[in-house]
Each structure stands twice: as C-alpha cells, then as structure tokens.
Amino acid sequence: MRKKVNRVLEKYLPLVDFIAGIVGPNCEVVLHDCSNVDESIIAIRNNHISGRKVGGPLTNLGLKLLKEGNYKSENFLLNYPSKSPDGKDLRSSTYFIKDDEGKLIGMLCINIDLTGPLAAKDFIDAYIKCDTDKSEDQSDSNNLSNILENLSHSIDEIIHSTIKDTIKEQNIPPERLSTEEKIHVVSQLNEKGIFLLKGAVSSVAKILKVSENTVYRYLNK
C-alpha cells in the first residue's frame, strides 16, 4: 500500500476488508485515491476478479466522473454494468468520498462477478423454456448507464481501449480520418477525461498519426 494515505480515505480502509468478507470471493472491493489517477488504487480485495493491484490507475468511468463532476449532485452510483479484462460480466457500484467542500477525493467501488449467476439463469431459462431479457433495467440520475466501465490493468490499456472505442464511433480507420474528424476524436477523448492520465497525448498522437503538438493544438480548439 502507498504511503501517506489521505486521512479521510484511511478511515475507509477497514471497509474494504469488511465488505469483501461479507459478500464473499465473487465481490471485488476497491478503494481509489482520486488525487493520483495514475496510481489511484490504494486498497483492493478479491482482485482475482479484475487482476488489478494496489498502485493501478483509475478506470475510464472514474476519469469521466472526475472530468464531468457528476459526483457533485450524487453520493453514489448503483448497479451499473462493467467488464473485467478477461471479459467477465460484472455489476458495479461506486460510493463517492468527498471532503468538507464537496470535492471528490476518493471512490469506494464494489464489483460483483456475475459469471455464476448468469450461468444459473441461462440454465433455468432453458429448463423452463422461458424467454427472458438477460439485461435488467439499469438507471441512474447521472445518465452514465450507457458507459461500460473497463477495469483495466494499466494506464496504457485504459488509453488504448478508450481511443479504440472513440475512433470506432467514427466508423472510419484512423489513417483515413480528416483533420476535422481527428479534432472531434480528441474532443471526445477530452470529454471522457483521458487526458488526465500521463502519456495520453503521446498515445493519441501515435494512433492518429500526428505530432504531440498537433494534439495539443486540437485540444486548444
């Protein structure tokens, strides 16, 4: 665990073990320090679910929350879909830890592996020959239910997966994007908070086949 943990966040450390102990091995519990998005994980239990470790980065959804400030009007985000690096379906919830001024300083995240329950559901559905919708209604006041959170191992993985998904929205290969389309991609990445991570500008420049100065120029626009 990193040294000099924020005093407020330090109080949440026992909760990581407490929640993981109650819910069991199919529940990953993570405590993030939002003051350092590159190494935000300060405690994690049942990390076999995502493979992440202490010192790992904030997720793509966490970056977006920081960038857009959705946490200002809410205290938590419940039961949204997420994916582990190896493709497991998860159900996640995040509690926003704020200071006395309402600034987001940390997040307590719970990720439940649905592999077993979904397999059981498929078996029961097939057994009774019922057609049921596999995806339950997900709703939250932050309108973030359409964002799939990726629990990535590293900063590079977060950057590349986010860039790939953003370019895919254009339905055009990176080498065929026009200048205006590249500006739009950079704008979308900025809205997703990707440039809060170190090395993001360099990675974006390589994928878009432009210089880092060009990426900075796009950001200024």
Protein backbone atom coordinates (compact mmCIF):
# COMPACT_ATOMS: atom_id res chain seq x y z
CA MET A 1 0.00 0.00 0.00
CA ARG A 2 1.24 3.50 -0.77
CA LYS A 3 2.49 5.77 1.97
CA LYS A 4 0.77 8.96 3.13
CA VAL A 5 -2.83 7.87 2.60
CA ASN A 6 -5.30 10.74 2.91
CA ARG A 7 -6.70 10.88 6.47
CA VAL A 8 -10.29 10.70 5.27
CA LEU A 9 -9.58 7.77 2.95
CA GLU A 10 -7.69 5.99 5.72
CA LYS A 11 -10.98 5.63 7.60
CA TYR A 12 -12.41 3.66 4.68
CA LEU A 13 -9.60 1.08 4.59
CA PRO A 14 -11.31 -1.29 7.10
CA LEU A 15 -14.47 -1.20 4.96
CA VAL A 16 -12.61 -2.83 2.08
CA ASP A 17 -11.99 -5.97 4.14
CA PHE A 18 -15.38 -5.72 5.85
CA ILE A 19 -17.44 -5.66 2.62
CA ALA A 20 -15.30 -8.29 0.88
CA GLY A 21 -15.62 -10.55 3.92
CA ILE A 22 -19.42 -10.25 4.00
CA VAL A 23 -20.19 -10.65 0.31
CA GLY A 24 -17.52 -13.26 -0.42
CA PRO A 25 -14.94 -14.13 -3.09
CA ASN A 26 -17.13 -13.10 -6.02
CA CYS A 27 -17.06 -9.48 -4.81
CA GLU A 28 -14.07 -7.27 -5.57
CA VAL A 29 -13.77 -4.19 -3.35
CA VAL A 30 -11.50 -1.30 -4.36
CA LEU A 31 -10.58 1.97 -2.67
CA HIS A 32 -9.38 4.72 -5.04
CA ASP A 33 -7.49 7.92 -4.23
CA CYS A 34 -8.64 10.50 -6.79
CA SER A 35 -5.68 12.79 -6.15
CA ASN A 36 -3.48 10.44 -8.18
CA VAL A 37 -5.41 8.96 -11.11
CA ASP A 38 -2.34 7.18 -12.48
CA GLU A 39 -1.87 5.15 -9.26
CA SER A 40 -5.27 5.56 -7.64
CA ILE A 41 -5.81 2.07 -6.17
CA ILE A 42 -4.75 2.17 -2.52
CA ALA A 43 -6.54 -0.99 -1.37
CA ILE A 44 -8.16 -3.93 -3.15
CA ARG A 45 -9.60 -7.29 -2.08
CA ASN A 46 -10.60 -10.30 -4.21
CA ASN A 47 -8.56 -8.84 -7.03
CA HIS A 48 -8.65 -12.18 -8.88
CA ILE A 49 -11.82 -10.78 -10.46
CA SER A 50 -10.05 -7.99 -12.38
CA GLY A 51 -6.38 -8.84 -11.87
CA ARG A 52 -5.63 -5.29 -10.73
CA LYS A 53 -3.26 -4.39 -7.90
CA VAL A 54 -2.52 -1.57 -5.48
CA GLY A 55 -0.98 1.26 -7.49
CA GLY A 56 -3.22 0.63 -10.52
CA PRO A 57 -4.95 3.52 -12.34
CA LEU A 58 -8.46 4.88 -12.14
CA THR A 59 -10.97 3.36 -14.59
CA ASN A 60 -12.38 5.02 -17.70
CA LEU A 61 -15.66 5.68 -15.86
CA GLY A 62 -13.82 7.16 -12.88
CA LEU A 63 -11.97 9.55 -15.19
CA LYS A 64 -15.24 10.60 -16.81
CA LEU A 65 -16.84 11.22 -13.41
CA LEU A 66 -13.90 13.41 -12.39
CA LYS A 67 -13.99 15.31 -15.67
CA GLU A 68 -17.74 15.95 -15.73
CA GLY A 69 -18.29 16.40 -11.99
CA ASN A 70 -21.35 14.12 -11.80
CA TYR A 71 -20.45 13.33 -8.20
CA LYS A 72 -21.37 16.88 -7.12
CA SER A 73 -25.10 16.14 -7.08
CA GLU A 74 -24.95 12.48 -6.07
CA ASN A 75 -23.40 10.41 -3.28
CA PHE A 76 -23.14 7.11 -5.14
CA LEU A 77 -23.72 5.29 -8.42
CA LEU A 78 -25.52 1.93 -8.16
CA ASN A 79 -25.64 -1.31 -10.12
CA TYR A 80 -24.12 -0.35 -13.47
CA PRO A 81 -22.56 -2.87 -15.89
CA SER A 82 -18.81 -3.33 -16.17
CA LYS A 83 -16.32 -5.79 -17.65
CA SER A 84 -13.20 -7.45 -16.30
CA PRO A 85 -10.09 -7.50 -18.55
CA ASP A 86 -10.84 -11.13 -19.45
CA GLY A 87 -14.44 -10.34 -20.42
CA LYS A 88 -16.40 -11.35 -17.32
CA ASP A 89 -19.71 -9.55 -16.84
CA LEU A 90 -19.80 -7.59 -13.59
CA ARG A 91 -22.28 -5.48 -11.66
CA SER A 92 -20.60 -2.46 -10.12
CA SER A 93 -21.42 0.27 -7.63
CA THR A 94 -19.36 3.29 -6.55
CA TYR A 95 -19.57 5.41 -3.41
CA PHE A 96 -18.20 8.94 -3.76
CA ILE A 97 -15.91 10.04 -0.93
CA LYS A 98 -15.85 13.85 -0.66
CA ASP A 99 -14.13 16.36 1.55
CA ASP A 100 -15.92 19.07 3.56
CA GLU A 101 -16.02 21.31 0.48
CA GLY A 102 -17.65 18.66 -1.69
CA LYS A 103 -14.52 17.85 -3.69
CA LEU A 104 -14.19 14.23 -4.77
CA ILE A 105 -11.15 12.73 -3.04
CA GLY A 106 -11.84 9.02 -3.35
CA MET A 107 -14.15 6.25 -4.52
CA LEU A 108 -15.15 3.01 -2.82
CA CYS A 109 -16.03 0.58 -5.60
CA ILE A 110 -17.71 -2.83 -5.47
CA ASN A 111 -17.56 -5.16 -8.48
CA ILE A 112 -19.60 -8.37 -8.34
CA ASP A 113 -18.74 -11.21 -10.72
CA LEU A 114 -21.96 -12.34 -12.42
CA THR A 115 -20.45 -15.39 -14.16
CA GLY A 116 -22.08 -17.90 -11.82
CA PRO A 117 -25.49 -16.20 -11.50
CA LEU A 118 -25.75 -15.69 -15.28
CA ALA A 119 -24.88 -19.33 -15.94
CA ALA A 120 -27.54 -20.40 -13.44
CA LYS A 121 -30.06 -18.03 -15.03
CA ASP A 122 -29.34 -19.44 -18.51
CA PHE A 123 -29.78 -22.95 -17.19
CA ILE A 124 -33.11 -22.13 -15.52
CA ASP A 125 -34.37 -20.22 -18.58
CA ALA A 126 -33.53 -23.16 -20.83
CA TYR A 127 -35.01 -25.65 -18.36
CA ILE A 128 -38.40 -23.90 -18.13
CA LYS A 129 -38.21 -22.71 -21.75
CA CYS A 130 -38.83 -19.10 -20.87
CA ASP A 131 -37.62 -16.18 -22.96
CA THR A 132 -36.36 -13.59 -20.55
CA ASP A 133 -34.32 -10.48 -21.07
CA LYS A 134 -30.82 -11.06 -19.75
CA SER A 135 -30.20 -7.42 -19.06
CA GLU A 136 -32.15 -5.85 -16.25
CA ASP A 137 -33.13 -2.20 -16.40
CA GLN A 138 -30.21 -0.05 -15.33
CA SER A 139 -30.98 3.52 -14.35
CA ASP A 140 -29.15 6.30 -12.58
CA SER A 141 -29.66 10.03 -12.29
CA ASN A 142 -26.23 10.73 -13.76
CA ASN A 143 -27.14 9.30 -17.20
CA LEU A 144 -23.98 7.19 -17.10
CA SER A 145 -25.68 3.82 -17.57
CA ASN A 146 -24.65 3.79 -21.25
CA ILE A 147 -20.97 3.79 -20.32
CA LEU A 148 -19.33 0.40 -19.96
CA GLU A 149 -16.62 0.60 -17.33
CA ASN A 150 -13.44 -1.28 -18.21
CA LEU A 151 -11.38 -2.46 -15.23
CA SER A 152 -8.03 -2.14 -16.98
CA HIS A 153 -4.69 -3.28 -15.55
CA SER A 154 -2.58 -0.35 -16.72
CA ILE A 155 -2.64 3.26 -17.91
CA ASP A 156 -1.69 2.20 -21.47
CA GLU A 157 -4.57 -0.28 -21.53
CA ILE A 158 -7.08 2.39 -20.47
CA ILE A 159 -5.73 4.89 -23.02
CA HIS A 160 -5.70 2.46 -25.94
CA SER A 161 -9.11 0.91 -25.21
CA THR A 162 -10.73 4.34 -24.86
CA ILE A 163 -9.08 5.65 -28.03
CA LYS A 164 -10.10 2.50 -29.92
CA ASP A 165 -13.73 2.80 -28.78
CA THR A 166 -13.83 6.51 -29.62
CA ILE A 167 -12.41 6.05 -33.12
CA LYS A 168 -14.80 3.14 -33.68
CA GLU A 169 -17.67 5.60 -33.16
CA GLN A 170 -16.46 7.40 -36.32
CA ASN A 171 -16.65 4.14 -38.32
CA ILE A 172 -13.50 5.23 -40.19
CA PRO A 173 -9.95 3.78 -39.93
CA PRO A 174 -7.55 6.16 -38.09
CA GLU A 175 -5.41 6.70 -41.20
CA ARG A 176 -8.45 7.94 -43.17
CA LEU A 177 -9.75 10.43 -40.60
CA SER A 178 -9.90 14.01 -41.82
CA THR A 179 -8.48 16.86 -39.74
CA GLU A 180 -11.96 17.80 -38.52
CA GLU A 181 -12.68 14.20 -37.60
CA LYS A 182 -9.40 13.95 -35.68
CA ILE A 183 -10.29 17.14 -33.81
CA HIS A 184 -13.66 15.57 -32.96
CA VAL A 185 -11.95 12.38 -31.70
CA VAL A 186 -9.59 14.42 -29.49
CA SER A 187 -12.58 16.40 -28.20
CA GLN A 188 -14.44 13.19 -27.33
CA LEU A 189 -11.37 11.79 -25.57
CA ASN A 190 -11.04 15.02 -23.60
CA GLU A 191 -14.69 14.79 -22.51
CA LYS A 192 -14.01 11.25 -21.31
CA GLY A 193 -11.15 12.52 -19.14
CA ILE A 194 -8.47 10.52 -20.94
CA PHE A 195 -6.02 13.43 -20.89
CA LEU A 196 -6.00 13.33 -17.09
CA LEU A 197 -3.65 10.36 -17.49
CA LYS A 198 0.08 10.72 -18.07
CA GLY A 199 1.20 9.75 -21.56
CA ALA A 200 -2.26 10.12 -23.10
CA VAL A 201 -1.20 12.86 -25.53
CA SER A 202 1.69 10.74 -26.83
CA SER A 203 -0.53 7.65 -27.27
CA VAL A 204 -3.25 9.63 -29.05
CA ALA A 205 -0.67 11.24 -31.34
CA LYS A 206 0.72 7.83 -32.37
CA ILE A 207 -2.69 6.33 -33.11
CA LEU A 208 -3.92 9.38 -35.04
CA LYS A 209 -0.53 9.61 -36.79
CA VAL A 210 0.01 13.25 -35.85
CA SER A 211 2.56 15.06 -33.68
CA GLU A 212 2.03 15.71 -29.97
CA ASN A 213 1.98 19.43 -30.73
CA THR A 214 -0.88 18.80 -33.14
CA VAL A 215 -2.86 17.02 -30.41
CA TYR A 216 -2.28 19.99 -28.09
CA ARG A 217 -3.45 22.31 -30.89
CA TYR A 218 -6.60 20.21 -31.34
CA LEU A 219 -7.24 20.44 -27.58
CA ASN A 220 -6.92 24.22 -27.66
CA LYS A 221 -9.58 24.32 -30.37
